[in-house]
Amino acid sequence: MIRFGKIRHKSTTILKCIQLYLSYPFSYREGEEIMLGEGINVDHSTINLWVIKHTQKILKRFQKTKKNAGSSWRMHETYVKISGIW
């Protein structure tokens, strides 16, 4: 779990706000309205601070667990027979 230090809101609330902002083309004010619809009162400037402060922590955490695809790969040729012609 990512540690956010001494905070007033739950860590799940912070992660949800950051996810909304980074995943969808929402503004901070729209994110505030969405969270208010779920019963969580968060100001848009607070969401802005969370995104600026915690995005790098989240990115580093995901890069540690992400598997590399490899340094090189090869694509084999494929032949398809269409109307008897290769």
PDB file of N, CA and C in Angstrom:
ATOM      1  N   MET A   1       0.844  -1.180   0.000  1.00  0.00           N
ATOM      2  CA  MET A   1       0.000   0.000   0.000  1.00  0.00           C
ATOM      3  C   MET A   1       0.887   1.241   0.000  1.00  0.00           C
ATOM      4  N   ILE A   2       0.464   2.229  -0.701  1.00  0.00           N
ATOM      5  CA  ILE A   2       1.208   3.483  -0.767  1.00  0.00           C
ATOM      6  C   ILE A   2       0.874   4.309   0.463  1.00  0.00           C
ATOM      7  N   ARG A   3       1.907   4.826   1.116  1.00  0.00           N
ATOM      8  CA  ARG A   3       1.697   5.629   2.312  1.00  0.00           C
ATOM      9  C   ARG A   3       1.561   7.098   1.916  1.00  0.00           C
ATOM     10  N   PHE A   4       0.507   7.712   2.410  1.00  0.00           N
ATOM     11  CA  PHE A   4       0.251   9.106   2.095  1.00  0.00           C
ATOM     12  C   PHE A   4       0.569  10.041   3.249  1.00  0.00           C
ATOM     13  N   GLY A   5       1.073   9.527   4.337  1.00  0.00           N
ATOM     14  CA  GLY A   5       1.393  10.360   5.495  1.00  0.00           C
ATOM     15  C   GLY A   5       0.140  10.657   6.301  1.00  0.00           C
ATOM     16  N   LYS A   6       0.183  11.734   7.066  1.00  0.00           N
ATOM     17  CA  LYS A   6      -0.967  12.126   7.877  1.00  0.00           C
ATOM     18  C   LYS A   6      -1.981  12.836   6.980  1.00  0.00           C
ATOM     19  N   ILE A   7      -3.111  12.193   6.788  1.00  0.00           N
ATOM     20  CA  ILE A   7      -4.131  12.734   5.899  1.00  0.00           C
ATOM     21  C   ILE A   7      -5.488  12.664   6.567  1.00  0.00           C
ATOM     22  N   ARG A   8      -6.378  13.516   6.101  1.00  0.00           N
ATOM     23  CA  ARG A   8      -7.721  13.529   6.661  1.00  0.00           C
ATOM     24  C   ARG A   8      -8.624  12.523   5.965  1.00  0.00           C
ATOM     25  N   HIS A   9      -8.402  12.323   4.669  1.00  0.00           N
ATOM     26  CA  HIS A   9      -9.233  11.411   3.880  1.00  0.00           C
ATOM     27  C   HIS A   9      -8.603  10.034   3.851  1.00  0.00           C
ATOM     28  N   LYS A  10      -9.419   9.037   3.527  1.00  0.00           N
ATOM     29  CA  LYS A  10      -8.924   7.667   3.397  1.00  0.00           C
ATOM     30  C   LYS A  10      -8.032   7.560   2.165  1.00  0.00           C
ATOM     31  N   SER A  11      -7.118   6.621   2.204  1.00  0.00           N
ATOM     32  CA  SER A  11      -6.208   6.437   1.069  1.00  0.00           C
ATOM     33  C   SER A  11      -6.971   5.976  -0.176  1.00  0.00           C
ATOM     34  N   THR A  12      -8.070   5.242   0.019  1.00  0.00           N
ATOM     35  CA  THR A  12      -8.866   4.812  -1.140  1.00  0.00           C
ATOM     36  C   THR A  12      -9.507   6.009  -1.834  1.00  0.00           C
ATOM     37  N   THR A  13      -9.886   7.026  -1.057  1.00  0.00           N
ATOM     38  CA  THR A  13     -10.458   8.240  -1.644  1.00  0.00           C
ATOM     39  C   THR A  13      -9.418   8.966  -2.480  1.00  0.00           C
ATOM     40  N   ILE A  14      -8.211   9.065  -1.958  1.00  0.00           N
ATOM     41  CA  ILE A  14      -7.135   9.738  -2.692  1.00  0.00           C
ATOM     42  C   ILE A  14      -6.826   8.993  -3.979  1.00  0.00           C
ATOM     43  N   LEU A  15      -6.705   7.677  -3.893  1.00  0.00           N
ATOM     44  CA  LEU A  15      -6.409   6.889  -5.090  1.00  0.00           C
ATOM     45  C   LEU A  15      -7.518   6.986  -6.124  1.00  0.00           C
ATOM     46  N   LYS A  16      -8.758   7.016  -5.669  1.00  0.00           N
ATOM     47  CA  LYS A  16      -9.885   7.117  -6.599  1.00  0.00           C
ATOM     48  C   LYS A  16      -9.882   8.465  -7.316  1.00  0.00           C
ATOM     49  N   CYS A  17      -9.606   9.541  -6.586  1.00  0.00           N
ATOM     50  CA  CYS A  17      -9.544  10.868  -7.204  1.00  0.00           C
ATOM     51  C   CYS A  17      -8.419  10.957  -8.221  1.00  0.00           C
ATOM     52  N   ILE A  18      -7.267  10.402  -7.873  1.00  0.00           N
ATOM     53  CA  ILE A  18      -6.136  10.414  -8.803  1.00  0.00           C
ATOM     54  C   ILE A  18      -6.454   9.566 -10.033  1.00  0.00           C
ATOM     55  N   GLN A  19      -7.078   8.413  -9.825  1.00  0.00           N
ATOM     56  CA  GLN A  19      -7.442   7.556 -10.950  1.00  0.00           C
ATOM     57  C   GLN A  19      -8.431   8.246 -11.880  1.00  0.00           C
ATOM     58  N   LEU A  20      -9.429   8.911 -11.310  1.00  0.00           N
ATOM     59  CA  LEU A  20     -10.398   9.623 -12.139  1.00  0.00           C
ATOM     60  C   LEU A  20      -9.724  10.680 -12.992  1.00  0.00           C
ATOM     61  N   TYR A  21      -8.814  11.421 -12.390  1.00  0.00           N
ATOM     62  CA  TYR A  21      -8.171  12.503 -13.132  1.00  0.00           C
ATOM     63  C   TYR A  21      -7.238  11.971 -14.213  1.00  0.00           C
ATOM     64  N   LEU A  22      -6.477  10.927 -13.906  1.00  0.00           N
ATOM     65  CA  LEU A  22      -5.498  10.428 -14.868  1.00  0.00           C
ATOM     66  C   LEU A  22      -6.109   9.535 -15.940  1.00  0.00           C
ATOM     67  N   SER A  23      -7.224   8.880 -15.641  1.00  0.00           N
ATOM     68  CA  SER A  23      -7.806   7.931 -16.586  1.00  0.00           C
ATOM     69  C   SER A  23      -8.786   8.559 -17.564  1.00  0.00           C
ATOM     70  N   TYR A  24      -9.465   9.587 -17.146  1.00  0.00           N
ATOM     71  CA  TYR A  24     -10.532  10.167 -17.958  1.00  0.00           C
ATOM     72  C   TYR A  24     -10.278  11.663 -18.160  1.00  0.00           C
ATOM     73  N   PRO A  25     -10.838  12.225 -19.225  1.00  0.00           N
ATOM     74  CA  PRO A  25     -10.611  13.653 -19.486  1.00  0.00           C
ATOM     75  C   PRO A  25     -11.480  14.550 -18.606  1.00  0.00           C
ATOM     76  N   PHE A  26     -11.360  14.389 -17.307  1.00  0.00           N
ATOM     77  CA  PHE A  26     -12.108  15.212 -16.360  1.00  0.00           C
ATOM     78  C   PHE A  26     -11.246  16.368 -15.892  1.00  0.00           C
ATOM     79  N   SER A  27     -11.894  17.464 -15.561  1.00  0.00           N
ATOM     80  CA  SER A  27     -11.191  18.538 -14.879  1.00  0.00           C
ATOM     81  C   SER A  27     -11.242  18.251 -13.381  1.00  0.00           C
ATOM     82  N   TYR A  28     -10.514  19.038 -12.617  1.00  0.00           N
ATOM     83  CA  TYR A  28     -10.534  18.846 -11.165  1.00  0.00           C
ATOM     84  C   TYR A  28     -11.916  19.157 -10.603  1.00  0.00           C
ATOM     85  N   ARG A  29     -12.584  20.135 -11.177  1.00  0.00           N
ATOM     86  CA  ARG A  29     -13.927  20.485 -10.693  1.00  0.00           C
ATOM     87  C   ARG A  29     -14.935  19.376 -10.994  1.00  0.00           C
ATOM     88  N   GLU A  30     -14.802  18.722 -12.135  1.00  0.00           N
ATOM     89  CA  GLU A  30     -15.685  17.596 -12.438  1.00  0.00           C
ATOM     90  C   GLU A  30     -15.406  16.423 -11.510  1.00  0.00           C
ATOM     91  N   GLY A  31     -14.136  16.217 -11.181  1.00  0.00           N
ATOM     92  CA  GLY A  31     -13.795  15.183 -10.211  1.00  0.00           C
ATOM     93  C   GLY A  31     -14.391  15.477  -8.850  1.00  0.00           C
ATOM     94  N   GLU A  32     -14.409  16.762  -8.485  1.00  0.00           N
ATOM     95  CA  GLU A  32     -15.033  17.179  -7.228  1.00  0.00           C
ATOM     96  C   GLU A  32     -16.523  16.856  -7.225  1.00  0.00           C
ATOM     97  N   GLU A  33     -17.194  17.113  -8.344  1.00  0.00           N
ATOM     98  CA  GLU A  33     -18.625  16.826  -8.450  1.00  0.00           C
ATOM     99  C   GLU A  33     -18.902  15.323  -8.401  1.00  0.00           C
ATOM    100  N   ILE A  34     -18.054  14.530  -9.040  1.00  0.00           N
ATOM    101  CA  ILE A  34     -18.232  13.075  -9.021  1.00  0.00           C
ATOM    102  C   ILE A  34     -18.084  12.545  -7.603  1.00  0.00           C
ATOM    103  N   MET A  35     -17.074  13.013  -6.900  1.00  0.00           N
ATOM    104  CA  MET A  35     -16.855  12.553  -5.526  1.00  0.00           C
ATOM    105  C   MET A  35     -17.986  13.033  -4.610  1.00  0.00           C
ATOM    106  N   LEU A  36     -18.512  14.222  -4.856  1.00  0.00           N
ATOM    107  CA  LEU A  36     -19.638  14.714  -4.067  1.00  0.00           C
ATOM    108  C   LEU A  36     -20.871  13.847  -4.305  1.00  0.00           C
ATOM    109  N   GLY A  37     -21.034  13.361  -5.534  1.00  0.00           N
ATOM    110  CA  GLY A  37     -22.124  12.447  -5.849  1.00  0.00           C
ATOM    111  C   GLY A  37     -22.014  11.127  -5.102  1.00  0.00           C
ATOM    112  N   GLU A  38     -20.798  10.752  -4.733  1.00  0.00           N
ATOM    113  CA  GLU A  38     -20.585   9.522  -3.965  1.00  0.00           C
ATOM    114  C   GLU A  38     -20.579   9.782  -2.463  1.00  0.00           C
ATOM    115  N   GLY A  39     -20.838  11.028  -2.077  1.00  0.00           N
ATOM    116  CA  GLY A  39     -20.931  11.357  -0.657  1.00  0.00           C
ATOM    117  C   GLY A  39     -19.619  11.759  -0.014  1.00  0.00           C
ATOM    118  N   ILE A  40     -18.610  12.060  -0.823  1.00  0.00           N
ATOM    119  CA  ILE A  40     -17.305  12.464  -0.300  1.00  0.00           C
ATOM    120  C   ILE A  40     -17.071  13.915  -0.681  1.00  0.00           C
ATOM    121  N   ASN A  41     -16.880  14.766   0.306  1.00  0.00           N
ATOM    122  CA  ASN A  41     -16.691  16.194   0.073  1.00  0.00           C
ATOM    123  C   ASN A  41     -15.197  16.486  -0.031  1.00  0.00           C
ATOM    124  N   VAL A  42     -14.730  16.723  -1.263  1.00  0.00           N
ATOM    125  CA  VAL A  42     -13.328  17.026  -1.536  1.00  0.00           C
ATOM    126  C   VAL A  42     -13.282  18.237  -2.446  1.00  0.00           C
ATOM    127  N   ASP A  43     -12.415  19.188  -2.137  1.00  0.00           N
ATOM    128  CA  ASP A  43     -12.278  20.380  -2.955  1.00  0.00           C
ATOM    129  C   ASP A  43     -11.409  20.074  -4.181  1.00  0.00           C
ATOM    130  N   HIS A  44     -11.649  20.802  -5.274  1.00  0.00           N
ATOM    131  CA  HIS A  44     -10.891  20.554  -6.497  1.00  0.00           C
ATOM    132  C   HIS A  44      -9.414  20.891  -6.337  1.00  0.00           C
ATOM    133  N   SER A  45      -9.088  21.872  -5.527  1.00  0.00           N
ATOM    134  CA  SER A  45      -7.678  22.204  -5.313  1.00  0.00           C
ATOM    135  C   SER A  45      -6.969  21.102  -4.520  1.00  0.00           C
ATOM    136  N   THR A  46      -7.703  20.413  -3.660  1.00  0.00           N
ATOM    137  CA  THR A  46      -7.129  19.286  -2.924  1.00  0.00           C
ATOM    138  C   THR A  46      -6.817  18.141  -3.872  1.00  0.00           C
ATOM    139  N   ILE A  47      -7.714  17.882  -4.808  1.00  0.00           N
ATOM    140  CA  ILE A  47      -7.461  16.836  -5.808  1.00  0.00           C
ATOM    141  C   ILE A  47      -6.231  17.195  -6.632  1.00  0.00           C
ATOM    142  N   ASN A  48      -6.089  18.470  -6.984  1.00  0.00           N
ATOM    143  CA  ASN A  48      -4.926  18.941  -7.726  1.00  0.00           C
ATOM    144  C   ASN A  48      -3.645  18.658  -6.942  1.00  0.00           C
ATOM    145  N   LEU A  49      -3.630  18.972  -5.668  1.00  0.00           N
ATOM    146  CA  LEU A  49      -2.450  18.721  -4.836  1.00  0.00           C
ATOM    147  C   LEU A  49      -2.138  17.229  -4.746  1.00  0.00           C
ATOM    148  N   TRP A  50      -3.171  16.401  -4.608  1.00  0.00           N
ATOM    149  CA  TRP A  50      -2.969  14.955  -4.540  1.00  0.00           C
ATOM    150  C   TRP A  50      -2.337  14.429  -5.821  1.00  0.00           C
ATOM    151  N   VAL A  51      -2.849  14.895  -6.961  1.00  0.00           N
ATOM    152  CA  VAL A  51      -2.321  14.429  -8.248  1.00  0.00           C
ATOM    153  C   VAL A  51      -0.860  14.828  -8.388  1.00  0.00           C
ATOM    154  N   ILE A  52      -0.542  16.072  -8.065  1.00  0.00           N
ATOM    155  CA  ILE A  52       0.840  16.549  -8.185  1.00  0.00           C
ATOM    156  C   ILE A  52       1.760  15.804  -7.221  1.00  0.00           C
ATOM    157  N   LYS A  53       1.313  15.615  -5.997  1.00  0.00           N
ATOM    158  CA  LYS A  53       2.166  15.058  -4.948  1.00  0.00           C
ATOM    159  C   LYS A  53       2.336  13.543  -5.043  1.00  0.00           C
ATOM    160  N   HIS A  54       1.295  12.810  -5.401  1.00  0.00           N
ATOM    161  CA  HIS A  54       1.317  11.359  -5.265  1.00  0.00           C
ATOM    162  C   HIS A  54       1.441  10.579  -6.572  1.00  0.00           C
ATOM    163  N   THR A  55       1.339  11.235  -7.719  1.00  0.00           N
ATOM    164  CA  THR A  55       1.398  10.505  -8.986  1.00  0.00           C
ATOM    165  C   THR A  55       2.751   9.818  -9.170  1.00  0.00           C
ATOM    166  N   GLN A  56       3.829  10.483  -8.806  1.00  0.00           N
ATOM    167  CA  GLN A  56       5.154   9.879  -8.948  1.00  0.00           C
ATOM    168  C   GLN A  56       5.318   8.654  -8.055  1.00  0.00           C
ATOM    169  N   LYS A  57       4.758   8.707  -6.842  1.00  0.00           N
ATOM    170  CA  LYS A  57       4.824   7.545  -5.947  1.00  0.00           C
ATOM    171  C   LYS A  57       4.100   6.354  -6.560  1.00  0.00           C
ATOM    172  N   ILE A  58       2.924   6.613  -7.107  1.00  0.00           N
ATOM    173  CA  ILE A  58       2.127   5.545  -7.703  1.00  0.00           C
ATOM    174  C   ILE A  58       2.845   4.967  -8.922  1.00  0.00           C
ATOM    175  N   LEU A  59       3.425   5.834  -9.753  1.00  0.00           N
ATOM    176  CA  LEU A  59       4.142   5.387 -10.942  1.00  0.00           C
ATOM    177  C   LEU A  59       5.333   4.510 -10.567  1.00  0.00           C
ATOM    178  N   LYS A  60       6.104   4.905  -9.577  1.00  0.00           N
ATOM    179  CA  LYS A  60       7.247   4.096  -9.139  1.00  0.00           C
ATOM    180  C   LYS A  60       6.797   2.751  -8.595  1.00  0.00           C
ATOM    181  N   ARG A  61       5.674   2.746  -7.890  1.00  0.00           N
ATOM    182  CA  ARG A  61       5.155   1.493  -7.327  1.00  0.00           C
ATOM    183  C   ARG A  61       4.751   0.517  -8.431  1.00  0.00           C
ATOM    184  N   PHE A  62       4.091   1.027  -9.470  1.00  0.00           N
ATOM    185  CA  PHE A  62       3.680   0.161 -10.569  1.00  0.00           C
ATOM    186  C   PHE A  62       4.868  -0.303 -11.398  1.00  0.00           C
ATOM    187  N   GLN A  63       5.890   0.522 -11.554  1.00  0.00           N
ATOM    188  CA  GLN A  63       7.055   0.127 -12.338  1.00  0.00           C
ATOM    189  C   GLN A  63       7.831  -0.988 -11.657  1.00  0.00           C
ATOM    190  N   LYS A  64       7.768  -1.077 -10.316  1.00  0.00           N
ATOM    191  CA  LYS A  64       8.450  -2.150  -9.613  1.00  0.00           C
ATOM    192  C   LYS A  64       7.807  -3.505  -9.910  1.00  0.00           C
ATOM    193  N   THR A  65       6.487  -3.537 -10.049  1.00  0.00           N
ATOM    194  CA  THR A  65       5.785  -4.803 -10.249  1.00  0.00           C
ATOM    195  C   THR A  65       5.528  -5.124 -11.721  1.00  0.00           C
ATOM    196  N   LYS A  66       5.765  -4.171 -12.606  1.00  0.00           N
ATOM    197  CA  LYS A  66       5.507  -4.378 -14.027  1.00  0.00           C
ATOM    198  C   LYS A  66       6.554  -5.312 -14.617  1.00  0.00           C
ATOM    199  N   LYS A  67       6.112  -6.279 -15.396  1.00  0.00           N
ATOM    200  CA  LYS A  67       7.029  -7.197 -16.046  1.00  0.00           C
ATOM    201  C   LYS A  67       7.467  -6.613 -17.379  1.00  0.00           C
ATOM    202  N   ASN A  68       8.739  -6.770 -17.681  1.00  0.00           N
ATOM    203  CA  ASN A  68       9.263  -6.296 -18.951  1.00  0.00           C
ATOM    204  C   ASN A  68       8.873  -7.254 -20.065  1.00  0.00           C
ATOM    205  N   ALA A  69       8.595  -6.711 -21.221  1.00  0.00           N
ATOM    206  CA  ALA A  69       8.237  -7.527 -22.364  1.00  0.00           C
ATOM    207  C   ALA A  69       9.471  -8.144 -23.007  1.00  0.00           C
ATOM    208  N   GLY A  70      10.619  -7.579 -22.764  1.00  0.00           N
ATOM    209  CA  GLY A  70      11.861  -8.077 -23.351  1.00  0.00           C
ATOM    210  C   GLY A  70      12.487  -6.996 -24.202  1.00  0.00           C
ATOM    211  N   SER A  71      13.753  -7.167 -24.506  1.00  0.00           N
ATOM    212  CA  SER A  71      14.451  -6.135 -25.266  1.00  0.00           C
ATOM    213  C   SER A  71      14.246  -6.283 -26.773  1.00  0.00           C
ATOM    214  N   SER A  72      13.958  -7.496 -27.229  1.00  0.00           N
ATOM    215  CA  SER A  72      13.722  -7.680 -28.659  1.00  0.00           C
ATOM    216  C   SER A  72      12.621  -8.715 -28.873  1.00  0.00           C
ATOM    217  N   TRP A  73      11.993  -8.645 -30.019  1.00  0.00           N
ATOM    218  CA  TRP A  73      10.982  -9.626 -30.368  1.00  0.00           C
ATOM    219  C   TRP A  73      10.970  -9.779 -31.883  1.00  0.00           C
ATOM    220  N   ARG A  74      10.464 -10.899 -32.341  1.00  0.00           N
ATOM    221  CA  ARG A  74      10.440 -11.180 -33.775  1.00  0.00           C
ATOM    222  C   ARG A  74       9.026 -11.529 -34.204  1.00  0.00           C
ATOM    223  N   MET A  75       8.676 -11.058 -35.372  1.00  0.00           N
ATOM    224  CA  MET A  75       7.379 -11.405 -35.919  1.00  0.00           C
ATOM    225  C   MET A  75       7.620 -12.339 -37.107  1.00  0.00           C
ATOM    226  N   HIS A  76       7.002 -13.486 -37.078  1.00  0.00           N
ATOM    227  CA  HIS A  76       7.174 -14.471 -38.139  1.00  0.00           C
ATOM    228  C   HIS A  76       6.244 -14.135 -39.303  1.00  0.00           C
ATOM    229  N   GLU A  77       6.712 -14.506 -40.483  1.00  0.00           N
ATOM    230  CA  GLU A  77       5.881 -14.283 -41.659  1.00  0.00           C
ATOM    231  C   GLU A  77       4.728 -15.278 -41.662  1.00  0.00           C
ATOM    232  N   THR A  78       3.581 -14.819 -42.128  1.00  0.00           N
ATOM    233  CA  THR A  78       2.405 -15.664 -42.203  1.00  0.00           C
ATOM    234  C   THR A  78       1.926 -15.711 -43.645  1.00  0.00           C
ATOM    235  N   TYR A  79       1.658 -16.912 -44.111  1.00  0.00           N
ATOM    236  CA  TYR A  79       1.138 -17.081 -45.460  1.00  0.00           C
ATOM    237  C   TYR A  79      -0.324 -17.490 -45.357  1.00  0.00           C
ATOM    238  N   VAL A  80      -1.132 -16.855 -46.180  1.00  0.00           N
ATOM    239  CA  VAL A  80      -2.553 -17.138 -46.188  1.00  0.00           C
ATOM    240  C   VAL A  80      -2.954 -17.523 -47.596  1.00  0.00           C
ATOM    241  N   LYS A  81      -3.726 -18.601 -47.730  1.00  0.00           N
ATOM    242  CA  LYS A  81      -4.169 -19.060 -49.034  1.00  0.00           C
ATOM    243  C   LYS A  81      -5.554 -18.475 -49.297  1.00  0.00           C
ATOM    244  N   ILE A  82      -5.665 -17.663 -50.367  1.00  0.00           N
ATOM    245  CA  ILE A  82      -6.947 -17.040 -50.729  1.00  0.00           C
ATOM    246  C   ILE A  82      -7.270 -17.449 -52.149  1.00  0.00           C
ATOM    247  N   SER A  83      -8.387 -18.094 -52.301  1.00  0.00           N
ATOM    248  CA  SER A  83      -8.851 -18.588 -53.608  1.00  0.00           C
ATOM    249  C   SER A  83      -7.784 -19.442 -54.298  1.00  0.00           C
ATOM    250  N   GLY A  84      -7.090 -20.252 -53.531  1.00  0.00           N
ATOM    251  CA  GLY A  84      -6.108 -21.162 -54.084  1.00  0.00           C
ATOM    252  C   GLY A  84      -4.768 -20.524 -54.390  1.00  0.00           C
ATOM    253  N   ILE A  85      -4.598 -19.244 -54.071  1.00  0.00           N
ATOM    254  CA  ILE A  85      -3.338 -18.551 -54.354  1.00  0.00           C
ATOM    255  C   ILE A  85      -2.678 -18.201 -53.010  1.00  0.00           C
ATOM    256  N   TRP A  86      -1.400 -18.550 -52.899  1.00  0.00           N
ATOM    257  CA  TRP A  86      -0.679 -18.227 -51.667  1.00  0.00           C
ATOM    258  C   TRP A  86      -0.215 -16.789 -51.710  1.00  0.00           C
TER     259      TRP A  86
END
